[in-house]
Amino acid sequence: LFTAGVDVDWSSWVSGGRLVDLPTYAFERRRFWLSAGRSPVDAAGLGLDPAGHPLLHAAVPLASQDGWVLTGQLS
């Protein structure tokens, strides 16, 4: 209803809340994204096993089944 222009009484749904201004566009006025690091992160420092492959940086075994999740980065 609210998006259709109907005035909604939110007090019955949310108690103790307050209205805040949200950005209308993610790239407007200020940056919301994390800055990319310049150096690659060590897989062991994140608790991951090194994959031992030139394109794959880390390998994580799946907990619920046989298999692996492999991660890497191309630049």
PDB file of N, CA and C in Angstrom:
ATOM      1  N   LEU A   1       0.814  -1.196   0.000  1.00  0.00           N
ATOM      2  CA  LEU A   1       0.000   0.000   0.000  1.00  0.00           C
ATOM      3  C   LEU A   1       0.859   1.262   0.000  1.00  0.00           C
ATOM      4  N   PHE A   2       1.922   1.250   0.793  1.00  0.00           N
ATOM      5  CA  PHE A   2       2.780   2.420   0.910  1.00  0.00           C
ATOM      6  C   PHE A   2       3.374   2.808  -0.440  1.00  0.00           C
ATOM      7  N   THR A   3       3.860   1.823  -1.204  1.00  0.00           N
ATOM      8  CA  THR A   3       4.463   2.125  -2.496  1.00  0.00           C
ATOM      9  C   THR A   3       3.438   2.583  -3.519  1.00  0.00           C
ATOM     10  N   ALA A   4       2.160   2.302  -3.262  1.00  0.00           N
ATOM     11  CA  ALA A   4       1.102   2.762  -4.160  1.00  0.00           C
ATOM     12  C   ALA A   4       0.596   4.145  -3.771  1.00  0.00           C
ATOM     13  N   GLY A   5       1.154   4.743  -2.710  1.00  0.00           N
ATOM     14  CA  GLY A   5       0.779   6.093  -2.314  1.00  0.00           C
ATOM     15  C   GLY A   5      -0.219   6.182  -1.186  1.00  0.00           C
ATOM     16  N   VAL A   6      -0.588   5.051  -0.606  1.00  0.00           N
ATOM     17  CA  VAL A   6      -1.543   5.056   0.502  1.00  0.00           C
ATOM     18  C   VAL A   6      -0.797   5.394   1.785  1.00  0.00           C
ATOM     19  N   ASP A   7      -1.366   6.277   2.615  1.00  0.00           N
ATOM     20  CA  ASP A   7      -0.771   6.641   3.888  1.00  0.00           C
ATOM     21  C   ASP A   7      -0.973   5.493   4.873  1.00  0.00           C
ATOM     22  N   VAL A   8       0.132   4.909   5.360  1.00  0.00           N
ATOM     23  CA  VAL A   8       0.074   3.746   6.238  1.00  0.00           C
ATOM     24  C   VAL A   8       0.497   4.151   7.639  1.00  0.00           C
ATOM     25  N   ASP A   9      -0.245   3.697   8.652  1.00  0.00           N
ATOM     26  CA  ASP A   9       0.122   3.934  10.044  1.00  0.00           C
ATOM     27  C   ASP A   9       1.070   2.819  10.480  1.00  0.00           C
ATOM     28  N   TRP A  10       2.385   3.114  10.493  1.00  0.00           N
ATOM     29  CA  TRP A  10       3.384   2.104  10.791  1.00  0.00           C
ATOM     30  C   TRP A  10       3.519   1.836  12.287  1.00  0.00           C
ATOM     31  N   SER A  11       2.935   2.644  13.142  1.00  0.00           N
ATOM     32  CA  SER A  11       3.120   2.488  14.585  1.00  0.00           C
ATOM     33  C   SER A  11       2.584   1.159  15.104  1.00  0.00           C
ATOM     34  N   SER A  12       1.595   0.594  14.440  1.00  0.00           N
ATOM     35  CA  SER A  12       1.080  -0.704  14.889  1.00  0.00           C
ATOM     36  C   SER A  12       2.003  -1.848  14.479  1.00  0.00           C
ATOM     37  N   TRP A  13       2.879  -1.613  13.508  1.00  0.00           N
ATOM     38  CA  TRP A  13       3.793  -2.652  13.040  1.00  0.00           C
ATOM     39  C   TRP A  13       5.166  -2.546  13.696  1.00  0.00           C
ATOM     40  N   VAL A  14       5.637  -1.324  13.883  1.00  0.00           N
ATOM     41  CA  VAL A  14       6.974  -1.098  14.422  1.00  0.00           C
ATOM     42  C   VAL A  14       6.855  -0.136  15.592  1.00  0.00           C
ATOM     43  N   SER A  15       7.203  -0.617  16.779  1.00  0.00           N
ATOM     44  CA  SER A  15       7.136   0.271  17.940  1.00  0.00           C
ATOM     45  C   SER A  15       8.534   0.747  18.292  1.00  0.00           C
ATOM     46  N   GLY A  16       8.668   2.007  18.616  1.00  0.00           N
ATOM     47  CA  GLY A  16       9.945   2.578  19.025  1.00  0.00           C
ATOM     48  C   GLY A  16      10.882   2.891  17.875  1.00  0.00           C
ATOM     49  N   GLY A  17      10.438   2.761  16.659  1.00  0.00           N
ATOM     50  CA  GLY A  17      11.299   3.039  15.513  1.00  0.00           C
ATOM     51  C   GLY A  17      11.284   4.507  15.151  1.00  0.00           C
ATOM     52  N   ARG A  18      12.171   4.891  14.229  1.00  0.00           N
ATOM     53  CA  ARG A  18      12.196   6.248  13.745  1.00  0.00           C
ATOM     54  C   ARG A  18      12.501   6.235  12.256  1.00  0.00           C
ATOM     55  N   LEU A  19      12.096   7.249  11.550  1.00  0.00           N
ATOM     56  CA  LEU A  19      12.350   7.356  10.128  1.00  0.00           C
ATOM     57  C   LEU A  19      13.760   7.871   9.895  1.00  0.00           C
ATOM     58  N   VAL A  20      14.452   7.300   8.931  1.00  0.00           N
ATOM     59  CA  VAL A  20      15.776   7.753   8.554  1.00  0.00           C
ATOM     60  C   VAL A  20      15.811   7.941   7.042  1.00  0.00           C
ATOM     61  N   ASP A  21      16.666   8.849   6.578  1.00  0.00           N
ATOM     62  CA  ASP A  21      16.839   9.055   5.147  1.00  0.00           C
ATOM     63  C   ASP A  21      17.781   7.997   4.589  1.00  0.00           C
ATOM     64  N   LEU A  22      17.375   7.356   3.524  1.00  0.00           N
ATOM     65  CA  LEU A  22      18.202   6.365   2.862  1.00  0.00           C
ATOM     66  C   LEU A  22      18.684   6.918   1.530  1.00  0.00           C
ATOM     67  N   PRO A  23      19.863   6.495   1.070  1.00  0.00           N
ATOM     68  CA  PRO A  23      20.315   6.969  -0.233  1.00  0.00           C
ATOM     69  C   PRO A  23      19.419   6.403  -1.333  1.00  0.00           C
ATOM     70  N   THR A  24      19.152   7.211  -2.341  1.00  0.00           N
ATOM     71  CA  THR A  24      18.288   6.751  -3.424  1.00  0.00           C
ATOM     72  C   THR A  24      19.072   6.032  -4.503  1.00  0.00           C
ATOM     73  N   TYR A  25      20.390   6.201  -4.524  1.00  0.00           N
ATOM     74  CA  TYR A  25      21.230   5.582  -5.533  1.00  0.00           C
ATOM     75  C   TYR A  25      22.570   5.252  -4.893  1.00  0.00           C
ATOM     76  N   ALA A  26      23.060   4.042  -5.088  1.00  0.00           N
ATOM     77  CA  ALA A  26      24.250   3.569  -4.363  1.00  0.00           C
ATOM     78  C   ALA A  26      25.513   4.380  -4.633  1.00  0.00           C
ATOM     79  N   PHE A  27      25.633   5.029  -5.798  1.00  0.00           N
ATOM     80  CA  PHE A  27      26.866   5.731  -6.144  1.00  0.00           C
ATOM     81  C   PHE A  27      26.730   7.248  -6.000  1.00  0.00           C
ATOM     82  N   GLU A  28      25.681   7.701  -5.364  1.00  0.00           N
ATOM     83  CA  GLU A  28      25.419   9.120  -5.243  1.00  0.00           C
ATOM     84  C   GLU A  28      26.045   9.691  -3.970  1.00  0.00           C
ATOM     85  N   ARG A  29      26.838  10.744  -4.124  1.00  0.00           N
ATOM     86  CA  ARG A  29      27.397  11.550  -3.040  1.00  0.00           C
ATOM     87  C   ARG A  29      28.510  10.901  -2.233  1.00  0.00           C
ATOM     88  N   ARG A  30      28.385   9.637  -1.871  1.00  0.00           N
ATOM     89  CA  ARG A  30      29.454   9.024  -1.091  1.00  0.00           C
ATOM     90  C   ARG A  30      29.585   7.554  -1.450  1.00  0.00           C
ATOM     91  N   ARG A  31      30.754   7.021  -1.202  1.00  0.00           N
ATOM     92  CA  ARG A  31      31.050   5.636  -1.562  1.00  0.00           C
ATOM     93  C   ARG A  31      30.559   4.699  -0.463  1.00  0.00           C
ATOM     94  N   PHE A  32      29.826   3.645  -0.859  1.00  0.00           N
ATOM     95  CA  PHE A  32      29.303   2.672   0.090  1.00  0.00           C
ATOM     96  C   PHE A  32      30.041   1.330   0.012  1.00  0.00           C
ATOM     97  N   TRP A  33      30.944   1.177  -0.944  1.00  0.00           N
ATOM     98  CA  TRP A  33      31.601  -0.107  -1.169  1.00  0.00           C
ATOM     99  C   TRP A  33      32.981  -0.096  -0.529  1.00  0.00           C
ATOM    100  N   LEU A  34      33.445  -1.251  -0.124  1.00  0.00           N
ATOM    101  CA  LEU A  34      34.781  -1.379   0.448  1.00  0.00           C
ATOM    102  C   LEU A  34      35.823  -1.174  -0.640  1.00  0.00           C
ATOM    103  N   SER A  35      36.940  -0.610  -0.269  1.00  0.00           N
ATOM    104  CA  SER A  35      38.038  -0.433  -1.215  1.00  0.00           C
ATOM    105  C   SER A  35      38.737  -1.767  -1.434  1.00  0.00           C
ATOM    106  N   ALA A  36      39.097  -2.030  -2.671  1.00  0.00           N
ATOM    107  CA  ALA A  36      39.798  -3.270  -2.998  1.00  0.00           C
ATOM    108  C   ALA A  36      41.232  -3.195  -2.500  1.00  0.00           C
ATOM    109  N   GLY A  37      41.722  -4.268  -1.946  1.00  0.00           N
ATOM    110  CA  GLY A  37      43.095  -4.317  -1.476  1.00  0.00           C
ATOM    111  C   GLY A  37      44.063  -4.455  -2.639  1.00  0.00           C
ATOM    112  N   ARG A  38      45.247  -4.001  -2.462  1.00  0.00           N
ATOM    113  CA  ARG A  38      46.259  -4.048  -3.512  1.00  0.00           C
ATOM    114  C   ARG A  38      46.977  -5.397  -3.552  1.00  0.00           C
ATOM    115  N   SER A  39      47.093  -6.073  -2.405  1.00  0.00           N
ATOM    116  CA  SER A  39      47.834  -7.325  -2.368  1.00  0.00           C
ATOM    117  C   SER A  39      46.882  -8.495  -2.155  1.00  0.00           C
ATOM    118  N   PRO A  40      47.205  -9.658  -2.721  1.00  0.00           N
ATOM    119  CA  PRO A  40      46.348 -10.816  -2.515  1.00  0.00           C
ATOM    120  C   PRO A  40      46.379 -11.261  -1.050  1.00  0.00           C
ATOM    121  N   VAL A  41      45.287 -11.799  -0.583  1.00  0.00           N
ATOM    122  CA  VAL A  41      45.178 -12.260   0.798  1.00  0.00           C
ATOM    123  C   VAL A  41      45.710 -13.683   0.881  1.00  0.00           C
ATOM    124  N   ASP A  42      46.470 -13.958   1.922  1.00  0.00           N
ATOM    125  CA  ASP A  42      46.995 -15.297   2.134  1.00  0.00           C
ATOM    126  C   ASP A  42      45.865 -16.225   2.550  1.00  0.00           C
ATOM    127  N   ALA A  43      45.700 -17.338   1.850  1.00  0.00           N
ATOM    128  CA  ALA A  43      44.610 -18.271   2.131  1.00  0.00           C
ATOM    129  C   ALA A  43      44.720 -18.848   3.538  1.00  0.00           C
ATOM    130  N   ALA A  44      45.919 -19.142   3.987  1.00  0.00           N
ATOM    131  CA  ALA A  44      46.096 -19.716   5.319  1.00  0.00           C
ATOM    132  C   ALA A  44      45.680 -18.734   6.405  1.00  0.00           C
ATOM    133  N   GLY A  45      45.850 -17.437   6.171  1.00  0.00           N
ATOM    134  CA  GLY A  45      45.447 -16.430   7.145  1.00  0.00           C
ATOM    135  C   GLY A  45      43.947 -16.352   7.321  1.00  0.00           C
ATOM    136  N   LEU A  46      43.205 -16.868   6.348  1.00  0.00           N
ATOM    137  CA  LEU A  46      41.742 -16.890   6.431  1.00  0.00           C
ATOM    138  C   LEU A  46      41.214 -18.241   6.900  1.00  0.00           C
ATOM    139  N   GLY A  47      42.110 -19.149   7.242  1.00  0.00           N
ATOM    140  CA  GLY A  47      41.694 -20.476   7.669  1.00  0.00           C
ATOM    141  C   GLY A  47      41.393 -21.406   6.509  1.00  0.00           C
ATOM    142  N   LEU A  48      41.921 -21.097   5.317  1.00  0.00           N
ATOM    143  CA  LEU A  48      41.689 -21.902   4.129  1.00  0.00           C
ATOM    144  C   LEU A  48      42.952 -22.661   3.759  1.00  0.00           C
ATOM    145  N   ASP A  49      42.787 -23.718   2.992  1.00  0.00           N
ATOM    146  CA  ASP A  49      43.921 -24.479   2.494  1.00  0.00           C
ATOM    147  C   ASP A  49      44.370 -23.896   1.161  1.00  0.00           C
ATOM    148  N   PRO A  50      45.675 -23.675   0.964  1.00  0.00           N
ATOM    149  CA  PRO A  50      46.144 -23.234  -0.354  1.00  0.00           C
ATOM    150  C   PRO A  50      45.820 -24.294  -1.402  1.00  0.00           C
ATOM    151  N   ALA A  51      45.394 -23.863  -2.594  1.00  0.00           N
ATOM    152  CA  ALA A  51      44.970 -24.798  -3.629  1.00  0.00           C
ATOM    153  C   ALA A  51      46.152 -25.381  -4.395  1.00  0.00           C
ATOM    154  N   GLY A  52      47.300 -24.715  -4.399  1.00  0.00           N
ATOM    155  CA  GLY A  52      48.448 -25.226  -5.117  1.00  0.00           C
ATOM    156  C   GLY A  52      48.272 -25.198  -6.627  1.00  0.00           C
ATOM    157  N   HIS A  53      47.554 -24.201  -7.133  1.00  0.00           N
ATOM    158  CA  HIS A  53      47.269 -24.061  -8.560  1.00  0.00           C
ATOM    159  C   HIS A  53      47.467 -22.595  -8.928  1.00  0.00           C
ATOM    160  N   PRO A  54      48.005 -22.302 -10.132  1.00  0.00           N
ATOM    161  CA  PRO A  54      48.276 -20.892 -10.462  1.00  0.00           C
ATOM    162  C   PRO A  54      47.032 -20.009 -10.569  1.00  0.00           C
ATOM    163  N   LEU A  55      45.882 -20.569 -10.881  1.00  0.00           N
ATOM    164  CA  LEU A  55      44.663 -19.761 -10.998  1.00  0.00           C
ATOM    165  C   LEU A  55      43.742 -19.867  -9.790  1.00  0.00           C
ATOM    166  N   LEU A  56      43.955 -20.862  -8.953  1.00  0.00           N
ATOM    167  CA  LEU A  56      43.102 -21.064  -7.780  1.00  0.00           C
ATOM    168  C   LEU A  56      43.899 -20.733  -6.522  1.00  0.00           C
ATOM    169  N   HIS A  57      43.333 -19.900  -5.673  1.00  0.00           N
ATOM    170  CA  HIS A  57      44.052 -19.450  -4.483  1.00  0.00           C
ATOM    171  C   HIS A  57      43.774 -20.291  -3.254  1.00  0.00           C
ATOM    172  N   ALA A  58      42.541 -20.776  -3.113  1.00  0.00           N
ATOM    173  CA  ALA A  58      42.200 -21.497  -1.893  1.00  0.00           C
ATOM    174  C   ALA A  58      41.209 -22.602  -2.201  1.00  0.00           C
ATOM    175  N   ALA A  59      41.186 -23.589  -1.321  1.00  0.00           N
ATOM    176  CA  ALA A  59      40.269 -24.714  -1.456  1.00  0.00           C
ATOM    177  C   ALA A  59      39.645 -24.998  -0.095  1.00  0.00           C
ATOM    178  N   VAL A  60      38.342 -25.238  -0.086  1.00  0.00           N
ATOM    179  CA  VAL A  60      37.621 -25.522   1.145  1.00  0.00           C
ATOM    180  C   VAL A  60      36.785 -26.777   0.925  1.00  0.00           C
ATOM    181  N   PRO A  61      36.950 -27.819   1.753  1.00  0.00           N
ATOM    182  CA  PRO A  61      36.113 -29.005   1.575  1.00  0.00           C
ATOM    183  C   PRO A  61      34.671 -28.724   2.010  1.00  0.00           C
ATOM    184  N   LEU A  62      33.714 -29.297   1.284  1.00  0.00           N
ATOM    185  CA  LEU A  62      32.313 -29.151   1.654  1.00  0.00           C
ATOM    186  C   LEU A  62      32.029 -29.969   2.897  1.00  0.00           C
ATOM    187  N   ALA A  63      31.214 -29.459   3.785  1.00  0.00           N
ATOM    188  CA  ALA A  63      30.928 -30.141   5.043  1.00  0.00           C
ATOM    189  C   ALA A  63      29.882 -31.239   4.880  1.00  0.00           C
ATOM    190  N   SER A  64      28.917 -31.054   3.993  1.00  0.00           N
ATOM    191  CA  SER A  64      27.793 -31.975   3.927  1.00  0.00           C
ATOM    192  C   SER A  64      27.941 -33.076   2.887  1.00  0.00           C
ATOM    193  N   GLN A  65      28.957 -32.988   2.032  1.00  0.00           N
ATOM    194  CA  GLN A  65      29.130 -33.994   0.983  1.00  0.00           C
ATOM    195  C   GLN A  65      30.568 -33.991   0.489  1.00  0.00           C
ATOM    196  N   ASP A  66      30.896 -34.966  -0.336  1.00  0.00           N
ATOM    197  CA  ASP A  66      32.236 -34.990  -0.928  1.00  0.00           C
ATOM    198  C   ASP A  66      32.323 -33.917  -1.992  1.00  0.00           C
ATOM    199  N   GLY A  67      33.334 -33.104  -1.922  1.00  0.00           N
ATOM    200  CA  GLY A  67      33.529 -32.041  -2.897  1.00  0.00           C
ATOM    201  C   GLY A  67      34.312 -30.896  -2.291  1.00  0.00           C
ATOM    202  N   TRP A  68      34.641 -29.945  -3.137  1.00  0.00           N
ATOM    203  CA  TRP A  68      35.444 -28.798  -2.729  1.00  0.00           C
ATOM    204  C   TRP A  68      34.856 -27.519  -3.300  1.00  0.00           C
ATOM    205  N   VAL A  69      35.082 -26.410  -2.609  1.00  0.00           N
ATOM    206  CA  VAL A  69      34.819 -25.077  -3.126  1.00  0.00           C
ATOM    207  C   VAL A  69      36.181 -24.461  -3.413  1.00  0.00           C
ATOM    208  N   LEU A  70      36.405 -24.077  -4.664  1.00  0.00           N
ATOM    209  CA  LEU A  70      37.692 -23.527  -5.076  1.00  0.00           C
ATOM    210  C   LEU A  70      37.511 -22.046  -5.389  1.00  0.00           C
ATOM    211  N   THR A  71      38.433 -21.216  -4.914  1.00  0.00           N
ATOM    212  CA  THR A  71      38.337 -19.780  -5.148  1.00  0.00           C
ATOM    213  C   THR A  71      39.608 -19.279  -5.814  1.00  0.00           C
ATOM    214  N   GLY A  72      39.468 -18.208  -6.573  1.00  0.00           N
ATOM    215  CA  GLY A  72      40.606 -17.597  -7.236  1.00  0.00           C
ATOM    216  C   GLY A  72      40.275 -16.195  -7.661  1.00  0.00           C
ATOM    217  N   GLN A  73      41.259 -15.533  -8.272  1.00  0.00           N
ATOM    218  CA  GLN A  73      41.054 -14.162  -8.697  1.00  0.00           C
ATOM    219  C   GLN A  73      41.821 -13.930  -9.994  1.00  0.00           C
ATOM    220  N   LEU A  74      41.156 -13.342 -10.964  1.00  0.00           N
ATOM    221  CA  LEU A  74      41.799 -12.937 -12.202  1.00  0.00           C
ATOM    222  C   LEU A  74      41.845 -11.429 -12.247  1.00  0.00           C
ATOM    223  N   SER A  75      42.954 -10.887 -12.696  1.00  0.00           N
ATOM    224  CA  SER A  75      43.021  -9.438 -12.798  1.00  0.00           C
ATOM    225  C   SER A  75      43.518  -9.026 -14.164  1.00  0.00           C
TER     226      SER A  75
END
